[in-house]
Amino acid sequence: MHVAPVGGTAVQDHVALAEIELCGELIIAASAADEDRLSLESIDEVLRVAEERSAAD
C-alpha cells in the first residue's frame, strides 16, 4: 500500500478547486435566499452562466 507523504507535495486539481468554489457560492446563495429553493435564474446568476456564454461567442 502506498501512502502519500505528509508535507508540501500536495497536487492541486484546479478543476476540482473551481467546482468546490462554485458549490460554496451556491450554498451561500441558497442560505441567503428568502425562498425555499433558488430559481434557475438565480442559480445561473451565481454560476455566471451568462458570462460564460458571452465569452464563448
PDB file of N, CA and C in Angstrom:
ATOM      1  N   MET A   1       0.845  -1.170   0.000  1.00  0.00           N
ATOM      2  CA  MET A   1       0.000   0.000   0.000  1.00  0.00           C
ATOM      3  C   MET A   1       0.897   1.243   0.000  1.00  0.00           C
ATOM      4  N   HIS A   2       0.556   2.200  -0.861  1.00  0.00           N
ATOM      5  CA  HIS A   2       1.332   3.434  -0.963  1.00  0.00           C
ATOM      6  C   HIS A   2       0.545   4.567  -0.316  1.00  0.00           C
ATOM      7  N   VAL A   3       1.175   5.271   0.585  1.00  0.00           N
ATOM      8  CA  VAL A   3       0.564   6.407   1.263  1.00  0.00           C
ATOM      9  C   VAL A   3       1.325   7.658   0.852  1.00  0.00           C
ATOM     10  N   ALA A   4       0.562   8.688   0.473  1.00  0.00           N
ATOM     11  CA  ALA A   4       1.193   9.947   0.072  1.00  0.00           C
ATOM     12  C   ALA A   4       1.924  10.550   1.258  1.00  0.00           C
ATOM     13  N   PRO A   5       3.112  11.092   1.014  1.00  0.00           N
ATOM     14  CA  PRO A   5       3.873  11.700   2.110  1.00  0.00           C
ATOM     15  C   PRO A   5       3.187  12.958   2.624  1.00  0.00           C
ATOM     16  N   VAL A   6       3.374  13.215   3.886  1.00  0.00           N
ATOM     17  CA  VAL A   6       2.828  14.421   4.502  1.00  0.00           C
ATOM     18  C   VAL A   6       3.800  15.558   4.240  1.00  0.00           C
ATOM     19  N   GLY A   7       3.255  16.698   3.880  1.00  0.00           N
ATOM     20  CA  GLY A   7       4.129  17.841   3.649  1.00  0.00           C
ATOM     21  C   GLY A   7       3.721  18.635   2.437  1.00  0.00           C
ATOM     22  N   GLY A   8       4.630  19.343   1.843  1.00  0.00           N
ATOM     23  CA  GLY A   8       4.355  20.252   0.746  1.00  0.00           C
ATOM     24  C   GLY A   8       4.285  19.604  -0.614  1.00  0.00           C
ATOM     25  N   THR A   9       3.878  18.376  -0.707  1.00  0.00           N
ATOM     26  CA  THR A   9       3.821  17.694  -2.003  1.00  0.00           C
ATOM     27  C   THR A   9       2.404  17.566  -2.528  1.00  0.00           C
ATOM     28  N   ALA A  10       1.464  18.334  -2.011  1.00  0.00           N
ATOM     29  CA  ALA A  10       0.066  18.236  -2.434  1.00  0.00           C
ATOM     30  C   ALA A  10      -0.076  18.639  -3.899  1.00  0.00           C
ATOM     31  N   VAL A  11      -0.848  17.866  -4.622  1.00  0.00           N
ATOM     32  CA  VAL A  11      -1.145  18.159  -6.014  1.00  0.00           C
ATOM     33  C   VAL A  11      -2.475  18.895  -6.049  1.00  0.00           C
ATOM     34  N   GLN A  12      -2.512  20.006  -6.765  1.00  0.00           N
ATOM     35  CA  GLN A  12      -3.751  20.771  -6.845  1.00  0.00           C
ATOM     36  C   GLN A  12      -4.460  20.471  -8.150  1.00  0.00           C
ATOM     37  N   ASP A  13      -5.705  20.107  -8.041  1.00  0.00           N
ATOM     38  CA  ASP A  13      -6.558  19.897  -9.201  1.00  0.00           C
ATOM     39  C   ASP A  13      -7.385  21.170  -9.371  1.00  0.00           C
ATOM     40  N   HIS A  14      -7.005  21.997 -10.330  1.00  0.00           N
ATOM     41  CA  HIS A  14      -7.631  23.305 -10.488  1.00  0.00           C
ATOM     42  C   HIS A  14      -9.107  23.200 -10.857  1.00  0.00           C
ATOM     43  N   VAL A  15      -9.480  22.180 -11.616  1.00  0.00           N
ATOM     44  CA  VAL A  15     -10.887  21.990 -11.977  1.00  0.00           C
ATOM     45  C   VAL A  15     -11.689  21.649 -10.727  1.00  0.00           C
ATOM     46  N   ALA A  16     -11.181  20.746  -9.910  1.00  0.00           N
ATOM     47  CA  ALA A  16     -11.876  20.365  -8.678  1.00  0.00           C
ATOM     48  C   ALA A  16     -11.996  21.560  -7.739  1.00  0.00           C
ATOM     49  N   LEU A  17     -10.944  22.359  -7.628  1.00  0.00           N
ATOM     50  CA  LEU A  17     -10.986  23.542  -6.767  1.00  0.00           C
ATOM     51  C   LEU A  17     -12.027  24.546  -7.265  1.00  0.00           C
ATOM     52  N   ALA A  18     -12.138  24.718  -8.576  1.00  0.00           N
ATOM     53  CA  ALA A  18     -13.141  25.627  -9.142  1.00  0.00           C
ATOM     54  C   ALA A  18     -14.546  25.114  -8.859  1.00  0.00           C
ATOM     55  N   GLU A  19     -14.752  23.809  -8.978  1.00  0.00           N
ATOM     56  CA  GLU A  19     -16.058  23.222  -8.696  1.00  0.00           C
ATOM     57  C   GLU A  19     -16.423  23.391  -7.223  1.00  0.00           C
ATOM     58  N   ILE A  20     -15.472  23.210  -6.343  1.00  0.00           N
ATOM     59  CA  ILE A  20     -15.716  23.385  -4.910  1.00  0.00           C
ATOM     60  C   ILE A  20     -16.091  24.832  -4.620  1.00  0.00           C
ATOM     61  N   GLU A  21     -15.402  25.773  -5.255  1.00  0.00           N
ATOM     62  CA  GLU A  21     -15.709  27.189  -5.065  1.00  0.00           C
ATOM     63  C   GLU A  21     -17.127  27.510  -5.530  1.00  0.00           C
ATOM     64  N   LEU A  22     -17.530  26.975  -6.696  1.00  0.00           N
ATOM     65  CA  LEU A  22     -18.881  27.213  -7.197  1.00  0.00           C
ATOM     66  C   LEU A  22     -19.936  26.601  -6.283  1.00  0.00           C
ATOM     67  N   CYS A  23     -19.660  25.418  -5.773  1.00  0.00           N
ATOM     68  CA  CYS A  23     -20.593  24.782  -4.824  1.00  0.00           C
ATOM     69  C   CYS A  23     -20.741  25.642  -3.574  1.00  0.00           C
ATOM     70  N   GLY A  24     -19.646  26.179  -3.101  1.00  0.00           N
ATOM     71  CA  GLY A  24     -19.689  27.065  -1.938  1.00  0.00           C
ATOM     72  C   GLY A  24     -20.522  28.301  -2.208  1.00  0.00           C
ATOM     73  N   GLU A  25     -20.367  28.871  -3.390  1.00  0.00           N
ATOM     74  CA  GLU A  25     -21.149  30.051  -3.749  1.00  0.00           C
ATOM     75  C   GLU A  25     -22.634  29.723  -3.822  1.00  0.00           C
ATOM     76  N   LEU A  26     -22.968  28.530  -4.343  1.00  0.00           N
ATOM     77  CA  LEU A  26     -24.369  28.114  -4.382  1.00  0.00           C
ATOM     78  C   LEU A  26     -24.932  27.922  -2.976  1.00  0.00           C
ATOM     79  N   ILE A  27     -24.145  27.350  -2.092  1.00  0.00           N
ATOM     80  CA  ILE A  27     -24.593  27.140  -0.712  1.00  0.00           C
ATOM     81  C   ILE A  27     -24.845  28.479  -0.028  1.00  0.00           C
ATOM     82  N   ILE A  28     -23.945  29.429  -0.230  1.00  0.00           N
ATOM     83  CA  ILE A  28     -24.116  30.757   0.362  1.00  0.00           C
ATOM     84  C   ILE A  28     -25.369  31.425  -0.192  1.00  0.00           C
ATOM     85  N   ALA A  29     -25.572  31.347  -1.508  1.00  0.00           N
ATOM     86  CA  ALA A  29     -26.758  31.959  -2.118  1.00  0.00           C
ATOM     87  C   ALA A  29     -28.036  31.291  -1.617  1.00  0.00           C
ATOM     88  N   ALA A  30     -28.020  29.979  -1.486  1.00  0.00           N
ATOM     89  CA  ALA A  30     -29.204  29.260  -1.017  1.00  0.00           C
ATOM     90  C   ALA A  30     -29.524  29.620   0.429  1.00  0.00           C
ATOM     91  N   SER A  31     -28.507  29.773   1.257  1.00  0.00           N
ATOM     92  CA  SER A  31     -28.754  30.100   2.663  1.00  0.00           C
ATOM     93  C   SER A  31     -29.249  31.532   2.830  1.00  0.00           C
ATOM     94  N   ALA A  32     -28.904  32.405   1.889  1.00  0.00           N
ATOM     95  CA  ALA A  32     -29.329  33.799   1.964  1.00  0.00           C
ATOM     96  C   ALA A  32     -30.668  34.043   1.273  1.00  0.00           C
ATOM     97  N   ALA A  33     -31.164  33.057   0.537  1.00  0.00           N
ATOM     98  CA  ALA A  33     -32.395  33.232  -0.236  1.00  0.00           C
ATOM     99  C   ALA A  33     -33.614  33.294   0.678  1.00  0.00           C
ATOM    100  N   ASP A  34     -34.584  34.082   0.270  1.00  0.00           N
ATOM    101  CA  ASP A  34     -35.829  34.195   1.020  1.00  0.00           C
ATOM    102  C   ASP A  34     -36.759  33.013   0.736  1.00  0.00           C
ATOM    103  N   GLU A  35     -36.552  32.367  -0.395  1.00  0.00           N
ATOM    104  CA  GLU A  35     -37.405  31.258  -0.817  1.00  0.00           C
ATOM    105  C   GLU A  35     -36.828  29.938  -0.323  1.00  0.00           C
ATOM    106  N   ASP A  36     -37.635  28.872  -0.456  1.00  0.00           N
ATOM    107  CA  ASP A  36     -37.156  27.541  -0.071  1.00  0.00           C
ATOM    108  C   ASP A  36     -36.079  27.036  -1.023  1.00  0.00           C
ATOM    109  N   ARG A  37     -36.198  27.420  -2.294  1.00  0.00           N
ATOM    110  CA  ARG A  37     -35.255  26.970  -3.312  1.00  0.00           C
ATOM    111  C   ARG A  37     -34.808  28.147  -4.168  1.00  0.00           C
ATOM    112  N   LEU A  38     -33.621  28.011  -4.730  1.00  0.00           N
ATOM    113  CA  LEU A  38     -33.157  29.019  -5.685  1.00  0.00           C
ATOM    114  C   LEU A  38     -33.835  28.776  -7.025  1.00  0.00           C
ATOM    115  N   SER A  39     -34.214  29.839  -7.696  1.00  0.00           N
ATOM    116  CA  SER A  39     -34.765  29.692  -9.038  1.00  0.00           C
ATOM    117  C   SER A  39     -33.632  29.339  -9.997  1.00  0.00           C
ATOM    118  N   LEU A  40     -34.008  28.824 -11.157  1.00  0.00           N
ATOM    119  CA  LEU A  40     -32.992  28.506 -12.164  1.00  0.00           C
ATOM    120  C   LEU A  40     -32.218  29.758 -12.569  1.00  0.00           C
ATOM    121  N   GLU A  41     -32.905  30.882 -12.618  1.00  0.00           N
ATOM    122  CA  GLU A  41     -32.252  32.137 -12.972  1.00  0.00           C
ATOM    123  C   GLU A  41     -31.235  32.538 -11.903  1.00  0.00           C
ATOM    124  N   SER A  42     -31.593  32.322 -10.646  1.00  0.00           N
ATOM    125  CA  SER A  42     -30.665  32.640  -9.557  1.00  0.00           C
ATOM    126  C   SER A  42     -29.432  31.749  -9.598  1.00  0.00           C
ATOM    127  N   ILE A  43     -29.652  30.476  -9.886  1.00  0.00           N
ATOM    128  CA  ILE A  43     -28.528  29.537  -9.994  1.00  0.00           C
ATOM    129  C   ILE A  43     -27.617  29.944 -11.134  1.00  0.00           C
ATOM    130  N   ASP A  44     -28.210  30.287 -12.285  1.00  0.00           N
ATOM    131  CA  ASP A  44     -27.408  30.734 -13.428  1.00  0.00           C
ATOM    132  C   ASP A  44     -26.611  31.983 -13.083  1.00  0.00           C
ATOM    133  N   GLU A  45     -27.217  32.888 -12.315  1.00  0.00           N
ATOM    134  CA  GLU A  45     -26.526  34.121 -11.922  1.00  0.00           C
ATOM    135  C   GLU A  45     -25.335  33.803 -11.016  1.00  0.00           C
ATOM    136  N   VAL A  46     -25.548  32.926 -10.039  1.00  0.00           N
ATOM    137  CA  VAL A  46     -24.464  32.555  -9.117  1.00  0.00           C
ATOM    138  C   VAL A  46     -23.331  31.874  -9.882  1.00  0.00           C
ATOM    139  N   LEU A  47     -23.685  31.009 -10.835  1.00  0.00           N
ATOM    140  CA  LEU A  47     -22.675  30.272 -11.594  1.00  0.00           C
ATOM    141  C   LEU A  47     -22.113  31.074 -12.764  1.00  0.00           C
ATOM    142  N   ARG A  48     -22.621  32.292 -12.939  1.00  0.00           N
ATOM    143  CA  ARG A  48     -22.162  33.187 -14.012  1.00  0.00           C
ATOM    144  C   ARG A  48     -22.283  32.539 -15.389  1.00  0.00           C
ATOM    145  N   VAL A  49     -23.438  31.897 -15.623  1.00  0.00           N
ATOM    146  CA  VAL A  49     -23.671  31.199 -16.886  1.00  0.00           C
ATOM    147  C   VAL A  49     -23.678  32.168 -18.051  1.00  0.00           C
ATOM    148  N   ALA A  50     -24.337  33.314 -17.902  1.00  0.00           N
ATOM    149  CA  ALA A  50     -24.415  34.299 -18.991  1.00  0.00           C
ATOM    150  C   ALA A  50     -23.012  34.786 -19.369  1.00  0.00           C
ATOM    151  N   GLU A  51     -22.150  34.994 -18.383  1.00  0.00           N
ATOM    152  CA  GLU A  51     -20.779  35.445 -18.652  1.00  0.00           C
ATOM    153  C   GLU A  51     -20.026  34.390 -19.445  1.00  0.00           C
ATOM    154  N   GLU A  52     -20.210  33.138 -19.097  1.00  0.00           N
ATOM    155  CA  GLU A  52     -19.519  32.054 -19.797  1.00  0.00           C
ATOM    156  C   GLU A  52     -20.012  31.945 -21.230  1.00  0.00           C
ATOM    157  N   ARG A  53     -21.309  32.115 -21.439  1.00  0.00           N
ATOM    158  CA  ARG A  53     -21.869  32.042 -22.788  1.00  0.00           C
ATOM    159  C   ARG A  53     -21.336  33.192 -23.629  1.00  0.00           C
ATOM    160  N   SER A  54     -21.249  34.391 -23.047  1.00  0.00           N
ATOM    161  CA  SER A  54     -20.734  35.559 -23.774  1.00  0.00           C
ATOM    162  C   SER A  54     -19.265  35.349 -24.144  1.00  0.00           C
ATOM    163  N   ALA A  55     -18.502  34.775 -23.259  1.00  0.00           N
ATOM    164  CA  ALA A  55     -17.083  34.548 -23.520  1.00  0.00           C
ATOM    165  C   ALA A  55     -16.884  33.506 -24.608  1.00  0.00           C
ATOM    166  N   ALA A  56     -17.815  32.577 -24.720  1.00  0.00           N
ATOM    167  CA  ALA A  56     -17.697  31.504 -25.721  1.00  0.00           C
ATOM    168  C   ALA A  56     -18.025  32.007 -27.125  1.00  0.00           C
ATOM    169  N   ASP A  57     -18.785  33.092 -27.222  1.00  0.00           N
ATOM    170  CA  ASP A  57     -19.185  33.618 -28.552  1.00  0.00           C
ATOM    171  C   ASP A  57     -18.114  34.389 -29.220  1.00  0.00           C
TER     172      ASP A  57
END
